[in-house]
Amino acid sequence: QEVKLEMVQLRNLNVDPELYVLGMPEWAVEDGMGPAAFMEALSERCPGIGYGYFNPKRARMAELAAGRS
C-alpha cells in the first residue's frame, strides 16, 4: 500500500510441496496460505493489483544453465 504496488509476478516453485514444508519454519507452516488465498488477501489490500507469470525461452534457460550470461 505504501509503494503503490501494481503487479506481482507469480512463479511455480517446481518443488515437492512435502519436501518444501520440511525446510520451512514452524510458524510459516501453521500460518501459511495457498496461492488463491494469498491473491485474494493481497487484492483486498491493494485494489487493482495485477498478477503476471513469465517463463524465459528455453534457449535463454540453456544459456543460464551453461553459465553463460
Protein backbone atom coordinates (compact mmCIF):
# COMPACT_ATOMS: atom_id res chain seq x y z
CA GLN A 1 0.00 0.00 0.00
CA GLU A 2 2.86 2.36 0.82
CA VAL A 3 4.63 1.83 -2.52
CA LYS A 4 1.50 1.64 -4.72
CA LEU A 5 2.12 -1.95 -5.80
CA GLU A 6 0.81 -2.52 -9.32
CA MET A 7 1.79 -6.09 -10.24
CA VAL A 8 3.12 -9.25 -8.64
CA GLN A 9 4.93 -11.84 -10.73
CA LEU A 10 3.96 -15.34 -9.63
CA ARG A 11 6.27 -18.31 -10.15
CA ASN A 12 5.97 -22.05 -9.94
CA LEU A 13 8.28 -23.34 -7.20
CA ASN A 14 8.85 -26.64 -9.05
CA VAL A 15 9.49 -28.43 -5.80
CA ASP A 16 7.83 -31.27 -3.95
CA PRO A 17 5.47 -29.47 -1.52
CA GLU A 18 6.06 -32.01 1.25
CA LEU A 19 9.83 -31.55 0.96
CA TYR A 20 9.44 -27.77 0.80
CA VAL A 21 7.39 -27.69 4.01
CA LEU A 22 10.10 -29.63 5.85
CA GLY A 23 12.50 -26.73 5.29
CA MET A 24 10.08 -24.03 6.43
CA PRO A 25 9.92 -22.60 9.95
CA GLU A 26 7.03 -23.91 12.03
CA TRP A 27 5.25 -20.53 12.13
CA ALA A 28 5.14 -20.41 8.32
CA VAL A 29 3.55 -23.83 8.07
CA GLU A 30 0.96 -23.11 10.73
CA ASP A 31 0.04 -19.67 9.40
CA GLY A 32 0.52 -20.41 5.71
CA MET A 33 -2.00 -19.94 2.92
CA GLY A 34 -2.33 -21.22 -0.60
CA PRO A 35 -1.89 -19.15 -3.76
CA ALA A 36 -5.61 -18.38 -4.18
CA ALA A 37 -5.93 -17.14 -0.59
CA PHE A 38 -2.72 -15.10 -0.98
CA MET A 39 -4.01 -13.43 -4.14
CA GLU A 40 -7.37 -12.70 -2.55
CA ALA A 41 -5.80 -11.18 0.58
CA LEU A 42 -3.39 -9.07 -1.47
CA SER A 43 -6.17 -7.89 -3.79
CA GLU A 44 -8.17 -6.72 -0.77
CA ARG A 45 -5.20 -4.68 0.46
CA CYS A 46 -4.13 -3.41 -2.98
CA PRO A 47 -7.22 -2.95 -5.18
CA GLY A 48 -6.45 -3.08 -8.89
CA ILE A 49 -3.26 -5.12 -8.47
CA GLY A 50 -2.31 -7.29 -11.42
CA TYR A 51 -0.78 -10.75 -11.46
CA GLY A 52 1.67 -11.97 -14.05
CA TYR A 53 3.68 -15.04 -14.90
CA PHE A 54 6.82 -15.13 -17.03
CA ASN A 55 8.98 -18.01 -18.18
CA PRO A 56 12.17 -17.30 -20.14
CA LYS A 57 12.59 -19.01 -23.53
CA ARG A 58 14.24 -22.43 -23.46
CA ALA A 59 17.33 -21.16 -25.28
CA ARG A 60 17.87 -18.50 -22.61
CA MET A 61 17.43 -21.07 -19.85
CA ALA A 62 20.01 -23.30 -21.56
CA GLU A 63 22.45 -20.35 -21.67
CA LEU A 64 21.94 -19.68 -17.99
CA ALA A 65 22.35 -23.36 -17.11
CA ALA A 66 25.61 -23.47 -19.08
CA GLY A 67 26.89 -20.49 -17.12
CA ARG A 68 26.70 -18.00 -19.98
CA SER A 69 25.19 -14.62 -19.19
